[in-house]
């Protein structure tokens, strides 16, 4: 079982600029997770972070790339002995429009 944190890079119809840079957000979120007393109960195999983005929106694509670039160095690290992974995830409405995947997970 893995926990999925989702970074929403889209709003309905538009993406907003990130007020806090991704290279600040990612280490902060991962540090905060170390204080969760129930982390080991909730997460048993890996921490998987989902990056939700809109493929039709250039700002959303830039945000997805920034978050993925910030997460990449952490994939060789662990939180409480559990590996960190991430995946790019299309919202359901975009999944039907741009790829033939019902789940909408793109890597």
Protein backbone atom coordinates (compact mmCIF):
# COMPACT_ATOMS: atom_id res chain seq x y z
CA UNK A 1 0.00 0.00 0.00
CA UNK A 2 1.30 3.45 -0.79
CA UNK A 3 0.11 6.94 -0.05
CA UNK A 4 -0.34 9.24 -2.99
CA UNK A 5 0.19 12.93 -2.46
CA UNK A 6 -1.20 14.85 -5.36
CA UNK A 7 0.13 18.19 -6.50
CA UNK A 8 -2.66 19.84 -8.45
CA UNK A 9 -1.13 21.84 -11.22
CA UNK A 10 -4.48 22.67 -12.74
CA UNK A 11 -7.59 24.52 -11.83
CA UNK A 12 -10.76 23.98 -13.79
CA UNK A 13 -9.98 25.72 -17.03
CA UNK A 14 -6.68 27.29 -15.99
CA UNK A 15 -3.45 26.74 -14.09
CA UNK A 16 -2.13 29.22 -11.60
CA UNK A 17 1.48 30.09 -11.00
CA UNK A 18 2.99 28.41 -7.94
CA UNK A 19 3.37 30.97 -5.14
CA UNK A 20 6.13 28.86 -3.54
CA UNK A 21 8.81 27.40 -5.83
CA UNK A 22 8.79 23.62 -6.20
CA UNK A 23 12.38 23.32 -4.96
CA UNK A 24 11.13 24.74 -1.65
CA UNK A 25 7.80 22.85 -1.55
CA UNK A 26 9.13 19.33 -2.05
CA UNK A 27 11.73 19.20 0.76
CA UNK A 28 9.26 20.91 3.10
CA UNK A 29 6.45 18.42 2.39
CA UNK A 30 8.79 15.45 2.74
CA UNK A 31 10.12 16.82 6.05
CA UNK A 32 6.59 17.36 7.36
CA UNK A 33 5.74 13.73 6.55
CA UNK A 34 8.52 12.57 8.90
CA UNK A 35 6.52 14.02 11.80
CA UNK A 36 3.42 11.94 11.01
CA UNK A 37 3.14 9.43 13.85
CA UNK A 38 0.98 7.13 11.75
CA UNK A 39 3.18 7.23 8.65
CA UNK A 40 4.30 3.60 8.93
CA UNK A 41 0.70 2.47 9.45
CA UNK A 42 -0.59 4.36 6.39
CA UNK A 43 2.37 3.65 4.10
CA UNK A 44 3.68 0.11 3.99
CA UNK A 45 5.61 -0.21 0.70
CA UNK A 46 6.45 3.21 -0.80
CA UNK A 47 5.49 6.86 -0.75
CA UNK A 48 4.12 7.62 -4.20
CA UNK A 49 3.53 11.24 -5.12
CA UNK A 50 1.17 12.00 -7.98
CA UNK A 51 1.65 15.14 -10.07
CA UNK A 52 -1.68 16.13 -11.62
CA UNK A 53 -1.44 18.37 -14.68
CA UNK A 54 -3.40 19.56 -17.70
CA UNK A 55 -1.62 18.66 -20.95
CA UNK A 56 -3.49 21.44 -22.77
CA UNK A 57 -2.18 24.19 -20.47
CA UNK A 58 1.41 25.44 -20.91
CA UNK A 59 1.59 26.78 -17.32
CA UNK A 60 0.44 23.42 -15.98
CA UNK A 61 3.05 21.60 -18.09
CA UNK A 62 5.76 23.92 -16.73
CA UNK A 63 4.56 23.28 -13.18
CA UNK A 64 4.56 19.52 -13.74
CA UNK A 65 8.10 19.67 -15.05
CA UNK A 66 9.26 21.84 -12.13
CA UNK A 67 7.73 19.49 -9.54
CA UNK A 68 9.16 16.41 -11.29
CA UNK A 69 12.60 18.02 -11.47
CA UNK A 70 12.44 18.85 -7.75
CA UNK A 71 11.29 15.32 -6.87
CA UNK A 72 13.89 13.48 -8.96
CA UNK A 73 16.78 13.78 -6.44
CA UNK A 74 14.55 12.38 -3.68
CA UNK A 75 13.81 9.11 -5.50
CA UNK A 76 17.12 7.75 -4.21
CA UNK A 77 16.20 8.64 -0.63
CA UNK A 78 13.75 7.19 1.87
CA UNK A 79 11.32 8.44 4.49
CA UNK A 80 11.25 6.19 7.53
CA UNK A 81 12.91 3.43 5.46
CA UNK A 82 10.31 3.62 2.67
CA UNK A 83 11.28 4.61 -0.88
CA UNK A 84 9.96 7.78 -2.50
CA UNK A 85 8.49 7.63 -6.00
CA UNK A 86 6.45 9.92 -8.18
CA UNK A 87 4.25 9.68 -11.25
CA UNK A 88 2.60 12.11 -13.60
CA UNK A 89 -1.20 11.82 -13.54
CA UNK A 90 -3.70 13.24 -16.00
CA UNK A 91 -7.03 14.37 -14.56
CA UNK A 92 -9.88 12.14 -15.77
CA UNK A 93 -11.31 14.82 -18.07
CA UNK A 94 -7.93 15.24 -19.77
CA UNK A 95 -7.30 11.51 -19.92
CA UNK A 96 -10.29 10.97 -22.16
CA UNK A 97 -9.23 13.79 -24.43
CA UNK A 98 -5.54 13.06 -24.92
CA UNK A 99 -4.94 9.40 -24.26
CA UNK A 100 -7.05 6.26 -24.30
CA UNK A 101 -6.46 5.46 -20.63
CA UNK A 102 -9.38 5.20 -18.27
CA UNK A 103 -7.06 5.65 -15.29
CA UNK A 104 -5.17 8.51 -16.90
CA UNK A 105 -1.74 7.70 -15.49
CA UNK A 106 1.08 8.76 -17.76
CA UNK A 107 4.76 8.31 -17.06
